Amino acid sequence: MDKNRVRKIIFSCILLLIIVVSIFAIRTIHQISQLDIKFSKQYAAITVTEYQIVDYNDFKHPHGNSSVLKEIDEKIRLRISEFMKKNNLKIKPGEYEFNRVNSSYEEILLQSFIFEKNNK
């Protein structure tokens, strides 16, 4: 083999290696950017016990155990309160985390809490 052919093969191998590593790096960066990273300072937690009722009134006027709901933007809280009142709902007992910094109405309603009918 002559030197030029060896150089072309080495160059091709190095180029192929750079392309493969670049694709892997780009794919890894993309996957990391798609993660919903929870920062503890950004999220607040609430625990609803079996004997506790957290209904629309707690979203409208958070107090006592539900005072952490004040962390939700007031406009969003009032919309959730209206939705819960209209549909006669309460939060099902359990432990919940919600995004207190930049959450949306839909995120709070669909992802942060589990609701059930209020039978009181």
C-alpha atoms as a PDB file:
ATOM      1  CA  MET A   1       0.000   0.000   0.000  1.00  0.00           C
ATOM      2  CA  ASP A   2       1.187   3.436  -0.745  1.00  0.00           C
ATOM      3  CA  LYS A   3       1.273   6.286   1.775  1.00  0.00           C
ATOM      4  CA  ASN A   4      -1.640   8.199   0.219  1.00  0.00           C
ATOM      5  CA  ARG A   5      -3.972   5.229   0.474  1.00  0.00           C
ATOM      6  CA  VAL A   6      -3.025   4.671   4.143  1.00  0.00           C
ATOM      7  CA  ARG A   7      -3.576   8.374   4.871  1.00  0.00           C
ATOM      8  CA  LYS A   8      -7.018   8.270   3.205  1.00  0.00           C
ATOM      9  CA  ILE A   9      -8.024   5.208   5.266  1.00  0.00           C
ATOM     10  CA  ILE A  10      -6.809   6.801   8.513  1.00  0.00           C
ATOM     11  CA  PHE A  11      -8.521  10.084   7.635  1.00  0.00           C
ATOM     12  CA  SER A  12     -11.774   8.244   6.816  1.00  0.00           C
ATOM     13  CA  CYS A  13     -11.639   6.330  10.114  1.00  0.00           C
ATOM     14  CA  ILE A  14     -11.003   9.498  12.117  1.00  0.00           C
ATOM     15  CA  LEU A  15     -13.792  11.323  10.281  1.00  0.00           C
ATOM     16  CA  LEU A  16     -16.205   8.447  10.893  1.00  0.00           C
ATOM     17  CA  LEU A  17     -15.248   8.383  14.581  1.00  0.00           C
ATOM     18  CA  ILE A  18     -15.836  12.148  14.895  1.00  0.00           C
ATOM     19  CA  ILE A  19     -19.250  11.813  13.232  1.00  0.00           C
ATOM     20  CA  VAL A  20     -20.307   8.942  15.512  1.00  0.00           C
ATOM     21  CA  VAL A  21     -19.143  10.773  18.661  1.00  0.00           C
ATOM     22  CA  SER A  22     -20.898  13.974  17.516  1.00  0.00           C
ATOM     23  CA  ILE A  23     -24.172  12.153  16.881  1.00  0.00           C
ATOM     24  CA  PHE A  24     -23.954  10.480  20.305  1.00  0.00           C
ATOM     25  CA  ALA A  25     -23.209  13.824  22.014  1.00  0.00           C
ATOM     26  CA  ILE A  26     -26.060  15.630  20.222  1.00  0.00           C
ATOM     27  CA  ARG A  27     -28.486  12.832  21.051  1.00  0.00           C
ATOM     28  CA  THR A  28     -27.432  12.821  24.714  1.00  0.00           C
ATOM     29  CA  ILE A  29     -27.767  16.611  24.986  1.00  0.00           C
ATOM     30  CA  HIS A  30     -31.213  16.432  23.366  1.00  0.00           C
ATOM     31  CA  GLN A  31     -32.384  13.747  25.802  1.00  0.00           C
ATOM     32  CA  ILE A  32     -31.106  15.703  28.790  1.00  0.00           C
ATOM     33  CA  SER A  33     -32.834  18.870  27.600  1.00  0.00           C
ATOM     34  CA  GLN A  34     -36.144  16.987  27.375  1.00  0.00           C
ATOM     35  CA  LEU A  35     -36.066  15.931  31.040  1.00  0.00           C
ATOM     36  CA  ASP A  36     -38.414  17.652  33.462  1.00  0.00           C
ATOM     37  CA  ILE A  37     -35.917  18.364  36.202  1.00  0.00           C
ATOM     38  CA  LYS A  38     -37.500  19.060  39.568  1.00  0.00           C
ATOM     39  CA  PHE A  39     -35.694  21.602  41.669  1.00  0.00           C
ATOM     40  CA  SER A  40     -36.774  21.399  45.290  1.00  0.00           C
ATOM     41  CA  LYS A  41     -36.970  25.182  45.557  1.00  0.00           C
ATOM     42  CA  GLN A  42     -39.307  25.259  42.571  1.00  0.00           C
ATOM     43  CA  TYR A  43     -41.757  22.670  43.899  1.00  0.00           C
ATOM     44  CA  ALA A  44     -43.984  22.724  46.961  1.00  0.00           C
ATOM     45  CA  ALA A  45     -45.584  19.713  48.617  1.00  0.00           C
ATOM     46  CA  ILE A  46     -48.919  19.119  50.288  1.00  0.00           C
ATOM     47  CA  THR A  47     -50.191  16.029  52.074  1.00  0.00           C
ATOM     48  CA  VAL A  48     -53.926  15.396  52.263  1.00  0.00           C
ATOM     49  CA  THR A  49     -54.835  12.927  54.986  1.00  0.00           C
ATOM     50  CA  GLU A  50     -57.727  10.468  54.882  1.00  0.00           C
ATOM     51  CA  TYR A  51     -59.750  12.633  57.279  1.00  0.00           C
ATOM     52  CA  GLN A  52     -58.940  15.965  55.651  1.00  0.00           C
ATOM     53  CA  ILE A  53     -61.064  17.589  52.958  1.00  0.00           C
ATOM     54  CA  VAL A  54     -59.317  19.937  50.557  1.00  0.00           C
ATOM     55  CA  ASP A  55     -61.996  21.368  48.297  1.00  0.00           C
ATOM     56  CA  TYR A  56     -62.618  24.499  46.223  1.00  0.00           C
ATOM     57  CA  ASN A  57     -62.714  26.679  49.344  1.00  0.00           C
ATOM     58  CA  ASP A  58     -59.125  25.714  50.206  1.00  0.00           C
ATOM     59  CA  PHE A  59     -57.985  26.834  46.774  1.00  0.00           C
ATOM     60  CA  LYS A  60     -59.985  30.035  47.031  1.00  0.00           C
ATOM     61  CA  HIS A  61     -58.883  30.858  50.608  1.00  0.00           C
ATOM     62  CA  PRO A  62     -55.834  28.739  51.561  1.00  0.00           C
ATOM     63  CA  HIS A  63     -55.396  28.439  55.326  1.00  0.00           C
ATOM     64  CA  GLY A  64     -54.060  25.994  57.907  1.00  0.00           C
ATOM     65  CA  ASN A  65     -52.825  22.768  56.308  1.00  0.00           C
ATOM     66  CA  SER A  66     -53.747  24.050  52.844  1.00  0.00           C
ATOM     67  CA  SER A  67     -51.853  27.355  53.222  1.00  0.00           C
ATOM     68  CA  VAL A  68     -49.120  25.983  50.944  1.00  0.00           C
ATOM     69  CA  LEU A  69     -51.626  26.413  48.095  1.00  0.00           C
ATOM     70  CA  LYS A  70     -50.892  30.152  48.337  1.00  0.00           C
ATOM     71  CA  GLU A  71     -47.738  29.291  46.409  1.00  0.00           C
ATOM     72  CA  ILE A  72     -49.880  28.771  43.282  1.00  0.00           C
ATOM     73  CA  ASP A  73     -50.541  31.894  41.240  1.00  0.00           C
ATOM     74  CA  GLU A  74     -53.805  33.433  42.434  1.00  0.00           C
ATOM     75  CA  LYS A  75     -55.453  33.477  38.981  1.00  0.00           C
ATOM     76  CA  ILE A  76     -54.721  29.775  38.548  1.00  0.00           C
ATOM     77  CA  ARG A  77     -55.930  28.960  42.068  1.00  0.00           C
ATOM     78  CA  LEU A  78     -59.217  30.765  41.468  1.00  0.00           C
ATOM     79  CA  ARG A  79     -59.768  28.944  38.163  1.00  0.00           C
ATOM     80  CA  ILE A  80     -59.111  25.609  39.854  1.00  0.00           C
ATOM     81  CA  SER A  81     -61.457  26.612  42.675  1.00  0.00           C
ATOM     82  CA  GLU A  82     -64.219  27.383  40.158  1.00  0.00           C
ATOM     83  CA  PHE A  83     -63.629  24.071  38.365  1.00  0.00           C
ATOM     84  CA  MET A  84     -63.759  22.126  41.646  1.00  0.00           C
ATOM     85  CA  LYS A  85     -66.914  23.923  42.819  1.00  0.00           C
ATOM     86  CA  LYS A  86     -68.673  23.428  39.485  1.00  0.00           C
ATOM     87  CA  ASN A  87     -67.864  19.690  39.452  1.00  0.00           C
ATOM     88  CA  ASN A  88     -68.210  19.103  43.223  1.00  0.00           C
ATOM     89  CA  LEU A  89     -64.607  17.866  43.596  1.00  0.00           C
ATOM     90  CA  LYS A  90     -62.036  17.556  46.341  1.00  0.00           C
ATOM     91  CA  ILE A  91     -58.410  16.446  46.335  1.00  0.00           C
ATOM     92  CA  LYS A  92     -58.050  12.723  46.904  1.00  0.00           C
ATOM     93  CA  PRO A  93     -55.976  11.861  50.008  1.00  0.00           C
ATOM     94  CA  GLY A  94     -52.277  11.482  49.239  1.00  0.00           C
ATOM     95  CA  GLU A  95     -48.995  13.330  48.839  1.00  0.00           C
ATOM     96  CA  TYR A  96     -48.691  15.861  46.035  1.00  0.00           C
ATOM     97  CA  GLU A  97     -46.043  18.150  44.594  1.00  0.00           C
ATOM     98  CA  PHE A  98     -46.797  21.130  42.430  1.00  0.00           C
ATOM     99  CA  ASN A  99     -44.667  23.606  40.535  1.00  0.00           C
ATOM    100  CA  ARG A 100     -44.971  26.833  42.467  1.00  0.00           C
ATOM    101  CA  VAL A 101     -42.833  28.941  40.137  1.00  0.00           C
ATOM    102  CA  ASN A 102     -44.110  28.689  36.591  1.00  0.00           C
ATOM    103  CA  SER A 103     -46.990  26.249  36.507  1.00  0.00           C
ATOM    104  CA  SER A 104     -49.986  26.517  34.246  1.00  0.00           C
ATOM    105  CA  TYR A 105     -53.644  25.882  34.952  1.00  0.00           C
ATOM    106  CA  GLU A 106     -53.535  22.693  32.883  1.00  0.00           C
ATOM    107  CA  GLU A 107     -50.389  21.404  34.608  1.00  0.00           C
ATOM    108  CA  ILE A 108     -51.842  21.922  38.085  1.00  0.00           C
ATOM    109  CA  LEU A 109     -55.229  20.483  37.128  1.00  0.00           C
ATOM    110  CA  LEU A 110     -54.057  17.480  35.113  1.00  0.00           C
ATOM    111  CA  GLN A 111     -50.664  16.544  36.567  1.00  0.00           C
ATOM    112  CA  SER A 112     -50.285  17.873  40.103  1.00  0.00           C
ATOM    113  CA  PHE A 113     -53.407  16.649  41.895  1.00  0.00           C
ATOM    114  CA  ILE A 114     -55.882  13.767  41.773  1.00  0.00           C
ATOM    115  CA  PHE A 115     -59.497  14.790  42.279  1.00  0.00           C
ATOM    116  CA  GLU A 116     -62.532  12.847  43.416  1.00  0.00           C
ATOM    117  CA  LYS A 117     -66.196  13.642  44.045  1.00  0.00           C
ATOM    118  CA  ASN A 118     -66.914  15.467  47.266  1.00  0.00           C
ATOM    119  CA  ASN A 119     -69.680  13.631  49.121  1.00  0.00           C
ATOM    120  CA  LYS A 120     -70.196  16.099  51.939  1.00  0.00           C
END
